[in-house]
């Protein structure tokens, strides 16, 4: 089985976003994340109560980095970034448990 890539996308909400009603935010979010890619999951986390670094975190899991690229292109064209309602703070790609592939047992095939 191939790697599953996990990408943490840190966002900071702009004042324009915070001025919207919750219904308006929900509609914009639905439109921005309506496009789906097979095998990709996107989860949303609210972080503003816990850090000043970002207000929101998207967690993307995908076996294909090209799907992540297409998602980012789609978001860039959406109101999320085009208005803009959010600033992109950081994108952190990761692979879970890579150390297991580097262990002596894995190197010997067992």
PDB file of N, CA and C in Angstrom:
ATOM      1  N   UNK A   1       0.845  -1.180   0.000  1.00  0.00           N
ATOM      2  CA  UNK A   1       0.000   0.000   0.000  1.00  0.00           C
ATOM      3  C   UNK A   1       0.882   1.230   0.000  1.00  0.00           C
ATOM      4  N   UNK A   2       0.517   2.241  -0.750  1.00  0.00           N
ATOM      5  CA  UNK A   2       1.305   3.460  -0.822  1.00  0.00           C
ATOM      6  C   UNK A   2       1.076   4.360   0.374  1.00  0.00           C
ATOM      7  N   UNK A   3       1.888   5.384   0.435  1.00  0.00           N
ATOM      8  CA  UNK A   3       1.781   6.356   1.516  1.00  0.00           C
ATOM      9  C   UNK A   3       0.481   7.138   1.425  1.00  0.00           C
ATOM     10  N   UNK A   4      -0.016   7.511   2.576  1.00  0.00           N
ATOM     11  CA  UNK A   4      -1.098   8.481   2.661  1.00  0.00           C
ATOM     12  C   UNK A   4      -0.463   9.752   3.196  1.00  0.00           C
ATOM     13  N   UNK A   5      -0.628  10.819   2.470  1.00  0.00           N
ATOM     14  CA  UNK A   5      -0.063  12.105   2.861  1.00  0.00           C
ATOM     15  C   UNK A   5      -1.089  12.865   3.689  1.00  0.00           C
ATOM     16  N   UNK A   6      -0.625  13.432   4.777  1.00  0.00           N
ATOM     17  CA  UNK A   6      -1.459  14.294   5.608  1.00  0.00           C
ATOM     18  C   UNK A   6      -0.901  15.696   5.490  1.00  0.00           C
ATOM     19  N   UNK A   7      -1.748  16.633   5.121  1.00  0.00           N
ATOM     20  CA  UNK A   7      -1.312  18.021   4.936  1.00  0.00           C
ATOM     21  C   UNK A   7      -2.112  18.889   5.897  1.00  0.00           C
ATOM     22  N   UNK A   8      -1.390  19.598   6.748  1.00  0.00           N
ATOM     23  CA  UNK A   8      -2.005  20.527   7.693  1.00  0.00           C
ATOM     24  C   UNK A   8      -1.934  21.917   7.074  1.00  0.00           C
ATOM     25  N   UNK A   9      -3.080  22.543   6.901  1.00  0.00           N
ATOM     26  CA  UNK A   9      -3.152  23.865   6.282  1.00  0.00           C
ATOM     27  C   UNK A   9      -3.634  24.842   7.345  1.00  0.00           C
ATOM     28  N   UNK A  10      -2.748  25.740   7.757  1.00  0.00           N
ATOM     29  CA  UNK A  10      -3.064  26.711   8.794  1.00  0.00           C
ATOM     30  C   UNK A  10      -3.576  27.991   8.149  1.00  0.00           C
ATOM     31  N   UNK A  11      -4.738  28.434   8.611  1.00  0.00           N
ATOM     32  CA  UNK A  11      -5.400  29.605   8.047  1.00  0.00           C
ATOM     33  C   UNK A  11      -5.657  30.644   9.137  1.00  0.00           C
ATOM     34  N   UNK A  12      -5.719  31.888   8.731  1.00  0.00           N
ATOM     35  CA  UNK A  12      -6.097  32.968   9.643  1.00  0.00           C
ATOM     36  C   UNK A  12      -7.280  33.708   9.038  1.00  0.00           C
ATOM     37  N   UNK A  13      -8.397  33.734   9.778  1.00  0.00           N
ATOM     38  CA  UNK A  13      -9.600  34.411   9.303  1.00  0.00           C
ATOM     39  C   UNK A  13      -9.376  35.919   9.283  1.00  0.00           C
ATOM     40  N   UNK A  14      -9.852  36.546   8.222  1.00  0.00           N
ATOM     41  CA  UNK A  14      -9.798  38.009   8.109  1.00  0.00           C
ATOM     42  C   UNK A  14     -11.082  38.608   8.676  1.00  0.00           C
ATOM     43  N   UNK A  15     -11.027  39.890   8.940  1.00  0.00           N
ATOM     44  CA  UNK A  15     -12.182  40.600   9.486  1.00  0.00           C
ATOM     45  C   UNK A  15     -13.414  40.439   8.602  1.00  0.00           C
ATOM     46  N   UNK A  16     -13.223  40.433   7.296  1.00  0.00           N
ATOM     47  CA  UNK A  16     -14.360  40.277   6.373  1.00  0.00           C
ATOM     48  C   UNK A  16     -15.120  38.979   6.650  1.00  0.00           C
ATOM     49  N   UNK A  17     -14.402  37.912   6.981  1.00  0.00           N
ATOM     50  CA  UNK A  17     -15.027  36.629   7.297  1.00  0.00           C
ATOM     51  C   UNK A  17     -15.802  36.720   8.611  1.00  0.00           C
ATOM     52  N   UNK A  18     -15.182  37.337   9.592  1.00  0.00           N
ATOM     53  CA  UNK A  18     -15.801  37.428  10.913  1.00  0.00           C
ATOM     54  C   UNK A  18     -17.054  38.294  10.909  1.00  0.00           C
ATOM     55  N   UNK A  19     -17.150  39.211   9.958  1.00  0.00           N
ATOM     56  CA  UNK A  19     -18.331  40.079   9.849  1.00  0.00           C
ATOM     57  C   UNK A  19     -19.526  39.370   9.216  1.00  0.00           C
ATOM     58  N   UNK A  20     -19.292  38.245   8.571  1.00  0.00           N
ATOM     59  CA  UNK A  20     -20.380  37.499   7.934  1.00  0.00           C
ATOM     60  C   UNK A  20     -21.230  36.785   8.982  1.00  0.00           C
ATOM     61  N   UNK A  21     -22.485  36.560   8.648  1.00  0.00           N
ATOM     62  CA  UNK A  21     -23.334  35.748   9.523  1.00  0.00           C
ATOM     63  C   UNK A  21     -22.883  34.289   9.422  1.00  0.00           C
ATOM     64  N   UNK A  22     -23.304  33.490  10.382  1.00  0.00           N
ATOM     65  CA  UNK A  22     -22.944  32.067  10.338  1.00  0.00           C
ATOM     66  C   UNK A  22     -23.534  31.388   9.103  1.00  0.00           C
ATOM     67  N   UNK A  23     -24.713  31.812   8.692  1.00  0.00           N
ATOM     68  CA  UNK A  23     -25.332  31.245   7.487  1.00  0.00           C
ATOM     69  C   UNK A  23     -24.518  31.589   6.243  1.00  0.00           C
ATOM     70  N   UNK A  24     -24.028  32.819   6.162  1.00  0.00           N
ATOM     71  CA  UNK A  24     -23.197  33.216   5.014  1.00  0.00           C
ATOM     72  C   UNK A  24     -21.887  32.436   5.006  1.00  0.00           C
ATOM     73  N   UNK A  25     -21.287  32.267   6.166  1.00  0.00           N
ATOM     74  CA  UNK A  25     -20.039  31.483   6.257  1.00  0.00           C
ATOM     75  C   UNK A  25     -20.270  30.048   5.803  1.00  0.00           C
ATOM     76  N   UNK A  26     -21.374  29.464   6.257  1.00  0.00           N
ATOM     77  CA  UNK A  26     -21.679  28.080   5.887  1.00  0.00           C
ATOM     78  C   UNK A  26     -21.857  27.942   4.382  1.00  0.00           C
ATOM     79  N   UNK A  27     -22.540  28.884   3.757  1.00  0.00           N
ATOM     80  CA  UNK A  27     -22.761  28.828   2.307  1.00  0.00           C
ATOM     81  C   UNK A  27     -21.448  28.941   1.545  1.00  0.00           C
ATOM     82  N   UNK A  28     -20.580  29.843   1.963  1.00  0.00           N
ATOM     83  CA  UNK A  28     -19.282  30.003   1.303  1.00  0.00           C
ATOM     84  C   UNK A  28     -18.437  28.755   1.503  1.00  0.00           C
ATOM     85  N   UNK A  29     -18.446  28.199   2.705  1.00  0.00           N
ATOM     86  CA  UNK A  29     -17.695  26.974   2.978  1.00  0.00           C
ATOM     87  C   UNK A  29     -18.185  25.804   2.149  1.00  0.00           C
ATOM     88  N   UNK A  30     -19.511  25.660   2.041  1.00  0.00           N
ATOM     89  CA  UNK A  30     -20.062  24.571   1.214  1.00  0.00           C
ATOM     90  C   UNK A  30     -19.617  24.714  -0.233  1.00  0.00           C
ATOM     91  N   UNK A  31     -19.662  25.926  -0.752  1.00  0.00           N
ATOM     92  CA  UNK A  31     -19.249  26.149  -2.144  1.00  0.00           C
ATOM     93  C   UNK A  31     -17.759  25.871  -2.329  1.00  0.00           C
ATOM     94  N   UNK A  32     -16.949  26.296  -1.379  1.00  0.00           N
ATOM     95  CA  UNK A  32     -15.496  26.117  -1.502  1.00  0.00           C
ATOM     96  C   UNK A  32     -15.097  24.650  -1.428  1.00  0.00           C
ATOM     97  N   UNK A  33     -15.818  23.862  -0.622  1.00  0.00           N
ATOM     98  CA  UNK A  33     -15.432  22.466  -0.415  1.00  0.00           C
ATOM     99  C   UNK A  33     -16.378  21.482  -1.089  1.00  0.00           C
ATOM    100  N   UNK A  34     -17.160  21.959  -2.052  1.00  0.00           N
ATOM    101  CA  UNK A  34     -18.100  21.090  -2.762  1.00  0.00           C
ATOM    102  C   UNK A  34     -17.377  20.077  -3.642  1.00  0.00           C
ATOM    103  N   UNK A  35     -16.243  20.466  -4.184  1.00  0.00           N
ATOM    104  CA  UNK A  35     -15.508  19.561  -5.070  1.00  0.00           C
ATOM    105  C   UNK A  35     -14.852  18.463  -4.246  1.00  0.00           C
ATOM    106  N   UNK A  36     -15.024  17.244  -4.684  1.00  0.00           N
ATOM    107  CA  UNK A  36     -14.477  16.081  -3.979  1.00  0.00           C
ATOM    108  C   UNK A  36     -13.477  15.358  -4.869  1.00  0.00           C
ATOM    109  N   UNK A  37     -12.499  14.756  -4.228  1.00  0.00           N
ATOM    110  CA  UNK A  37     -11.518  13.943  -4.924  1.00  0.00           C
ATOM    111  C   UNK A  37     -11.556  12.559  -4.299  1.00  0.00           C
ATOM    112  N   UNK A  38     -11.576  11.508  -5.137  1.00  0.00           N
ATOM    113  CA  UNK A  38     -11.619  10.137  -4.635  1.00  0.00           C
ATOM    114  C   UNK A  38     -10.446   9.878  -3.707  1.00  0.00           C
ATOM    115  N   UNK A  39     -10.739   9.310  -2.561  1.00  0.00           N
ATOM    116  CA  UNK A  39      -9.691   8.936  -1.630  1.00  0.00           C
ATOM    117  C   UNK A  39      -9.183  10.067  -0.756  1.00  0.00           C
ATOM    118  N   UNK A  40      -9.652  11.289  -0.971  1.00  0.00           N
ATOM    119  CA  UNK A  40      -9.192  12.436  -0.187  1.00  0.00           C
ATOM    120  C   UNK A  40     -10.229  12.775   0.877  1.00  0.00           C
ATOM    121  N   UNK A  41      -9.737  13.028   2.078  1.00  0.00           N
ATOM    122  CA  UNK A  41     -10.613  13.549   3.121  1.00  0.00           C
ATOM    123  C   UNK A  41     -10.107  14.931   3.530  1.00  0.00           C
ATOM    124  N   UNK A  42     -11.050  15.809   3.829  1.00  0.00           N
ATOM    125  CA  UNK A  42     -10.721  17.157   4.300  1.00  0.00           C
ATOM    126  C   UNK A  42     -11.509  17.375   5.584  1.00  0.00           C
ATOM    127  N   UNK A  43     -10.786  17.690   6.649  1.00  0.00           N
ATOM    128  CA  UNK A  43     -11.437  17.977   7.931  1.00  0.00           C
ATOM    129  C   UNK A  43     -11.074  19.391   8.352  1.00  0.00           C
ATOM    130  N   UNK A  44     -11.966  20.001   9.099  1.00  0.00           N
ATOM    131  CA  UNK A  44     -11.814  21.393   9.522  1.00  0.00           C
ATOM    132  C   UNK A  44     -11.753  21.451  11.045  1.00  0.00           C
ATOM    133  N   UNK A  45     -10.800  22.232  11.561  1.00  0.00           N
ATOM    134  CA  UNK A  45     -10.661  22.416  12.999  1.00  0.00           C
ATOM    135  C   UNK A  45     -10.599  23.903  13.314  1.00  0.00           C
ATOM    136  N   UNK A  46     -11.310  24.294  14.348  1.00  0.00           N
ATOM    137  CA  UNK A  46     -11.301  25.667  14.836  1.00  0.00           C
ATOM    138  C   UNK A  46     -10.210  25.760  15.899  1.00  0.00           C
ATOM    139  N   UNK A  47      -9.240  26.641  15.711  1.00  0.00           N
ATOM    140  CA  UNK A  47      -8.091  26.710  16.615  1.00  0.00           C
ATOM    141  C   UNK A  47      -7.941  28.043  17.332  1.00  0.00           C
ATOM    142  N   UNK A  48      -8.773  29.010  17.020  1.00  0.00           N
ATOM    143  CA  UNK A  48      -8.540  30.375  17.502  1.00  0.00           C
ATOM    144  C   UNK A  48      -8.571  30.512  19.014  1.00  0.00           C
ATOM    145  N   UNK A  49      -9.245  29.628  19.718  1.00  0.00           N
ATOM    146  CA  UNK A  49      -9.285  29.703  21.176  1.00  0.00           C
ATOM    147  C   UNK A  49      -8.009  29.176  21.822  1.00  0.00           C
ATOM    148  N   UNK A  50      -7.137  28.554  21.015  1.00  0.00           N
ATOM    149  CA  UNK A  50      -5.981  27.875  21.578  1.00  0.00           C
ATOM    150  C   UNK A  50      -4.633  28.413  21.118  1.00  0.00           C
ATOM    151  N   UNK A  51      -4.623  29.222  20.074  1.00  0.00           N
ATOM    152  CA  UNK A  51      -3.361  29.740  19.549  1.00  0.00           C
ATOM    153  C   UNK A  51      -3.598  31.073  18.848  1.00  0.00           C
ATOM    154  N   UNK A  52      -2.566  31.891  18.843  1.00  0.00           N
ATOM    155  CA  UNK A  52      -2.629  33.147  18.087  1.00  0.00           C
ATOM    156  C   UNK A  52      -2.021  32.977  16.701  1.00  0.00           C
ATOM    157  N   UNK A  53      -1.414  31.813  16.441  1.00  0.00           N
ATOM    158  CA  UNK A  53      -0.749  31.574  15.158  1.00  0.00           C
ATOM    159  C   UNK A  53      -1.741  31.488  14.007  1.00  0.00           C
ATOM    160  N   UNK A  54      -2.871  30.821  14.239  1.00  0.00           N
ATOM    161  CA  UNK A  54      -3.871  30.654  13.187  1.00  0.00           C
ATOM    162  C   UNK A  54      -5.241  30.558  13.836  1.00  0.00           C
ATOM    163  N   UNK A  55      -6.270  30.747  13.044  1.00  0.00           N
ATOM    164  CA  UNK A  55      -7.629  30.619  13.572  1.00  0.00           C
ATOM    165  C   UNK A  55      -8.269  29.284  13.200  1.00  0.00           C
ATOM    166  N   UNK A  56      -7.801  28.698  12.117  1.00  0.00           N
ATOM    167  CA  UNK A  56      -8.413  27.481  11.596  1.00  0.00           C
ATOM    168  C   UNK A  56      -7.338  26.565  11.020  1.00  0.00           C
ATOM    169  N   UNK A  57      -7.631  25.261  11.059  1.00  0.00           N
ATOM    170  CA  UNK A  57      -6.713  24.270  10.500  1.00  0.00           C
ATOM    171  C   UNK A  57      -7.519  23.314   9.627  1.00  0.00           C
ATOM    172  N   UNK A  58      -7.076  23.142   8.406  1.00  0.00           N
ATOM    173  CA  UNK A  58      -7.619  22.102   7.536  1.00  0.00           C
ATOM    174  C   UNK A  58      -6.656  20.929   7.588  1.00  0.00           C
ATOM    175  N   UNK A  59      -7.188  19.728   7.688  1.00  0.00           N
ATOM    176  CA  UNK A  59      -6.369  18.524   7.644  1.00  0.00           C
ATOM    177  C   UNK A  59      -6.815  17.730   6.426  1.00  0.00           C
ATOM    178  N   UNK A  60      -5.907  17.609   5.479  1.00  0.00           N
ATOM    179  CA  UNK A  60      -6.181  16.909   4.226  1.00  0.00           C
ATOM    180  C   UNK A  60      -5.422  15.591   4.253  1.00  0.00           C
ATOM    181  N   UNK A  61      -6.102  14.498   3.952  1.00  0.00           N
ATOM    182  CA  UNK A  61      -5.446  13.201   3.823  1.00  0.00           C
ATOM    183  C   UNK A  61      -5.713  12.676   2.421  1.00  0.00           C
ATOM    184  N   UNK A  62      -4.635  12.285   1.755  1.00  0.00           N
ATOM    185  CA  UNK A  62      -4.767  11.816   0.377  1.00  0.00           C
ATOM    186  C   UNK A  62      -3.601  10.901   0.013  1.00  0.00           C
ATOM    187  N   UNK A  63      -3.839   9.896  -0.811  1.00  0.00           N
ATOM    188  CA  UNK A  63      -2.742   9.079  -1.313  1.00  0.00           C
ATOM    189  C   UNK A  63      -2.047   9.719  -2.519  1.00  0.00           C
ATOM    190  N   UNK A  64      -2.649  10.793  -3.055  1.00  0.00           N
ATOM    191  CA  UNK A  64      -2.105  11.420  -4.264  1.00  0.00           C
ATOM    192  C   UNK A  64      -1.891  12.919  -4.036  1.00  0.00           C
ATOM    193  N   UNK A  65      -0.646  13.338  -4.043  1.00  0.00           N
ATOM    194  CA  UNK A  65      -0.344  14.753  -3.834  1.00  0.00           C
ATOM    195  C   UNK A  65      -0.928  15.632  -4.935  1.00  0.00           C
ATOM    196  N   UNK A  66      -1.107  15.081  -6.118  1.00  0.00           N
ATOM    197  CA  UNK A  66      -1.691  15.872  -7.197  1.00  0.00           C
ATOM    198  C   UNK A  66      -3.127  16.289  -6.863  1.00  0.00           C
ATOM    199  N   UNK A  67      -3.850  15.440  -6.140  1.00  0.00           N
ATOM    200  CA  UNK A  67      -5.198  15.822  -5.708  1.00  0.00           C
ATOM    201  C   UNK A  67      -5.140  16.991  -4.733  1.00  0.00           C
ATOM    202  N   UNK A  68      -4.147  16.989  -3.870  1.00  0.00           N
ATOM    203  CA  UNK A  68      -3.972  18.120  -2.942  1.00  0.00           C
ATOM    204  C   UNK A  68      -3.697  19.402  -3.728  1.00  0.00           C
ATOM    205  N   UNK A  69      -2.862  19.301  -4.724  1.00  0.00           N
ATOM    206  CA  UNK A  69      -2.562  20.478  -5.551  1.00  0.00           C
ATOM    207  C   UNK A  69      -3.833  21.003  -6.213  1.00  0.00           C
ATOM    208  N   UNK A  70      -4.644  20.088  -6.736  1.00  0.00           N
ATOM    209  CA  UNK A  70      -5.892  20.510  -7.381  1.00  0.00           C
ATOM    210  C   UNK A  70      -6.868  21.118  -6.378  1.00  0.00           C
ATOM    211  N   UNK A  71      -6.905  20.571  -5.163  1.00  0.00           N
ATOM    212  CA  UNK A  71      -7.741  21.166  -4.120  1.00  0.00           C
ATOM    213  C   UNK A  71      -7.293  22.591  -3.834  1.00  0.00           C
ATOM    214  N   UNK A  72      -5.984  22.809  -3.706  1.00  0.00           N
ATOM    215  CA  UNK A  72      -5.473  24.154  -3.414  1.00  0.00           C
ATOM    216  C   UNK A  72      -5.770  25.109  -4.568  1.00  0.00           C
ATOM    217  N   UNK A  73      -5.650  24.639  -5.803  1.00  0.00           N
ATOM    218  CA  UNK A  73      -6.013  25.475  -6.957  1.00  0.00           C
ATOM    219  C   UNK A  73      -7.489  25.860  -6.890  1.00  0.00           C
ATOM    220  N   UNK A  74      -8.320  24.891  -6.552  1.00  0.00           N
ATOM    221  CA  UNK A  74      -9.759  25.145  -6.438  1.00  0.00           C
ATOM    222  C   UNK A  74     -10.045  26.162  -5.325  1.00  0.00           C
ATOM    223  N   UNK A  75      -9.409  25.995  -4.171  1.00  0.00           N
ATOM    224  CA  UNK A  75      -9.619  26.939  -3.064  1.00  0.00           C
ATOM    225  C   UNK A  75      -9.115  28.332  -3.410  1.00  0.00           C
ATOM    226  N   UNK A  76      -8.015  28.395  -4.132  1.00  0.00           N
ATOM    227  CA  UNK A  76      -7.454  29.691  -4.531  1.00  0.00           C
ATOM    228  C   UNK A  76      -8.444  30.460  -5.404  1.00  0.00           C
ATOM    229  N   UNK A  77      -9.211  29.737  -6.199  1.00  0.00           N
ATOM    230  CA  UNK A  77     -10.206  30.364  -7.066  1.00  0.00           C
ATOM    231  C   UNK A  77     -11.537  30.618  -6.353  1.00  0.00           C
ATOM    232  N   UNK A  78     -11.697  30.064  -5.164  1.00  0.00           N
ATOM    233  CA  UNK A  78     -12.951  30.237  -4.422  1.00  0.00           C
ATOM    234  C   UNK A  78     -12.920  31.534  -3.618  1.00  0.00           C
ATOM    235  N   UNK A  79     -14.069  31.888  -3.058  1.00  0.00           N
ATOM    236  CA  UNK A  79     -14.141  33.105  -2.243  1.00  0.00           C
ATOM    237  C   UNK A  79     -13.247  33.029  -1.012  1.00  0.00           C
ATOM    238  N   UNK A  80     -12.952  31.825  -0.555  1.00  0.00           N
ATOM    239  CA  UNK A  80     -12.116  31.668   0.640  1.00  0.00           C
ATOM    240  C   UNK A  80     -10.830  32.479   0.506  1.00  0.00           C
ATOM    241  N   UNK A  81     -10.140  32.327  -0.631  1.00  0.00           N
ATOM    242  CA  UNK A  81      -8.885  33.057  -0.840  1.00  0.00           C
ATOM    243  C   UNK A  81      -9.026  34.218  -1.814  1.00  0.00           C
ATOM    244  N   UNK A  82      -9.969  34.144  -2.741  1.00  0.00           N
ATOM    245  CA  UNK A  82     -10.080  35.184  -3.766  1.00  0.00           C
ATOM    246  C   UNK A  82     -10.693  36.469  -3.224  1.00  0.00           C
ATOM    247  N   UNK A  83     -11.534  36.365  -2.201  1.00  0.00           N
ATOM    248  CA  UNK A  83     -12.188  37.578  -1.666  1.00  0.00           C
ATOM    249  C   UNK A  83     -11.176  38.530  -1.055  1.00  0.00           C
ATOM    250  N   UNK A  84     -10.263  38.278  -0.204  1.00  0.00           N
ATOM    251  CA  UNK A  84     -10.052  37.040   0.548  1.00  0.00           C
ATOM    252  C   UNK A  84     -10.731  37.080   1.915  1.00  0.00           C
ATOM    253  N   UNK A  85     -11.140  35.891   2.357  1.00  0.00           N
ATOM    254  CA  UNK A  85     -11.671  35.753   3.704  1.00  0.00           C
ATOM    255  C   UNK A  85     -10.634  35.169   4.658  1.00  0.00           C
ATOM    256  N   UNK A  86      -9.621  34.498   4.103  1.00  0.00           N
ATOM    257  CA  UNK A  86      -8.588  33.878   4.928  1.00  0.00           C
ATOM    258  C   UNK A  86      -7.211  34.169   4.357  1.00  0.00           C
ATOM    259  N   UNK A  87      -6.232  34.226   5.252  1.00  0.00           N
ATOM    260  CA  UNK A  87      -4.826  34.247   4.855  1.00  0.00           C
ATOM    261  C   UNK A  87      -4.278  32.847   5.052  1.00  0.00           C
ATOM    262  N   UNK A  88      -3.438  32.421   4.138  1.00  0.00           N
ATOM    263  CA  UNK A  88      -2.762  31.138   4.255  1.00  0.00           C
ATOM    264  C   UNK A  88      -1.525  31.351   5.113  1.00  0.00           C
ATOM    265  N   UNK A  89      -1.485  30.744   6.287  1.00  0.00           N
ATOM    266  CA  UNK A  89      -0.381  30.924   7.227  1.00  0.00           C
ATOM    267  C   UNK A  89       0.741  29.940   6.930  1.00  0.00           C
ATOM    268  N   UNK A  90       0.377  28.663   6.759  1.00  0.00           N
ATOM    269  CA  UNK A  90       1.396  27.639   6.554  1.00  0.00           C
ATOM    270  C   UNK A  90       0.753  26.382   5.985  1.00  0.00           C
ATOM    271  N   UNK A  91       1.540  25.642   5.213  1.00  0.00           N
ATOM    272  CA  UNK A  91       1.136  24.332   4.709  1.00  0.00           C
ATOM    273  C   UNK A  91       2.204  23.354   5.170  1.00  0.00           C
ATOM    274  N   UNK A  92       1.782  22.342   5.934  1.00  0.00           N
ATOM    275  CA  UNK A  92       2.730  21.392   6.517  1.00  0.00           C
ATOM    276  C   UNK A  92       2.379  19.988   6.032  1.00  0.00           C
ATOM    277  N   UNK A  93       3.109  19.474   5.047  1.00  0.00           N
ATOM    278  CA  UNK A  93       2.865  18.104   4.593  1.00  0.00           C
ATOM    279  C   UNK A  93       3.585  17.117   5.512  1.00  0.00           C
ATOM    280  N   UNK A  94       2.969  15.954   5.713  1.00  0.00           N
ATOM    281  CA  UNK A  94       3.561  14.951   6.593  1.00  0.00           C
ATOM    282  C   UNK A  94       3.148  13.560   6.133  1.00  0.00           C
ATOM    283  N   UNK A  95       3.928  12.574   6.557  1.00  0.00           N
ATOM    284  CA  UNK A  95       3.603  11.173   6.323  1.00  0.00           C
ATOM    285  C   UNK A  95       3.670  10.485   7.680  1.00  0.00           C
ATOM    286  N   UNK A  96       2.617   9.771   8.024  1.00  0.00           N
ATOM    287  CA  UNK A  96       2.527   9.133   9.331  1.00  0.00           C
ATOM    288  C   UNK A  96       3.451   7.922   9.433  1.00  0.00           C
ATOM    289  N   UNK A  97       4.118   7.802  10.574  1.00  0.00           N
ATOM    290  CA  UNK A  97       4.915   6.622  10.950  1.00  0.00           C
ATOM    291  C   UNK A  97       5.995   6.228   9.947  1.00  0.00           C
ATOM    292  N   UNK A  98       6.660   7.194   9.344  1.00  0.00           N
ATOM    293  CA  UNK A  98       7.726   6.887   8.380  1.00  0.00           C
ATOM    294  C   UNK A  98       8.857   6.102   9.043  1.00  0.00           C
ATOM    295  N   UNK A  99       9.066   6.332  10.332  1.00  0.00           N
ATOM    296  CA  UNK A  99      10.154   5.643  11.033  1.00  0.00           C
ATOM    297  C   UNK A  99      10.030   4.128  10.918  1.00  0.00           C
ATOM    298  N   UNK A 100       8.814   3.623  10.779  1.00  0.00           N
ATOM    299  CA  UNK A 100       8.631   2.172  10.660  1.00  0.00           C
ATOM    300  C   UNK A 100       9.269   1.640   9.381  1.00  0.00           C
ATOM    301  N   UNK A 101       9.231   2.432   8.313  1.00  0.00           N
ATOM    302  CA  UNK A 101       9.863   2.025   7.058  1.00  0.00           C
ATOM    303  C   UNK A 101      11.376   2.037   7.172  1.00  0.00           C
ATOM    304  N   UNK A 102      11.905   2.764   8.144  1.00  0.00           N
ATOM    305  CA  UNK A 102      13.346   2.894   8.314  1.00  0.00           C
ATOM    306  C   UNK A 102      13.901   1.937   9.358  1.00  0.00           C
ATOM    307  N   UNK A 103      13.037   1.179  10.016  1.00  0.00           N
ATOM    308  CA  UNK A 103      13.492   0.278  11.071  1.00  0.00           C
ATOM    309  C   UNK A 103      14.239  -0.908  10.465  1.00  0.00           C
ATOM    310  N   UNK A 104      15.146  -1.529  11.244  1.00  0.00           N
ATOM    311  CA  UNK A 104      15.886  -2.696  10.729  1.00  0.00           C
ATOM    312  C   UNK A 104      14.966  -3.828  10.273  1.00  0.00           C
ATOM    313  N   UNK A 105      13.854  -4.062  10.973  1.00  0.00           N
ATOM    314  CA  UNK A 105      12.939  -5.139  10.582  1.00  0.00           C
ATOM    315  C   UNK A 105      12.311  -4.856   9.224  1.00  0.00           C
ATOM    316  N   UNK A 106      11.940  -3.612   8.978  1.00  0.00           N
ATOM    317  CA  UNK A 106      11.352  -3.249   7.687  1.00  0.00           C
ATOM    318  C   UNK A 106      12.378  -3.376   6.579  1.00  0.00           C
ATOM    319  N   UNK A 107      13.623  -3.022   6.867  1.00  0.00           N
ATOM    320  CA  UNK A 107      14.686  -3.104   5.862  1.00  0.00           C
ATOM    321  C   UNK A 107      14.960  -4.550   5.465  1.00  0.00           C
ATOM    322  N   UNK A 108      14.705  -5.487   6.391  1.00  0.00           N
ATOM    323  CA  UNK A 108      14.943  -6.902   6.111  1.00  0.00           C
ATOM    324  C   UNK A 108      13.685  -7.599   5.595  1.00  0.00           C
ATOM    325  N   UNK A 109      12.632  -6.799   5.373  1.00  0.00           N
ATOM    326  CA  UNK A 109      11.408  -7.367   4.819  1.00  0.00           C
ATOM    327  C   UNK A 109      10.502  -7.996   5.850  1.00  0.00           C
ATOM    328  N   UNK A 110      10.693  -7.699   7.115  1.00  0.00           N
ATOM    329  CA  UNK A 110       9.817  -8.311   8.120  1.00  0.00           C
ATOM    330  C   UNK A 110       9.593  -7.442   9.207  1.00  0.00           C
TER     331      UNK A 110
END
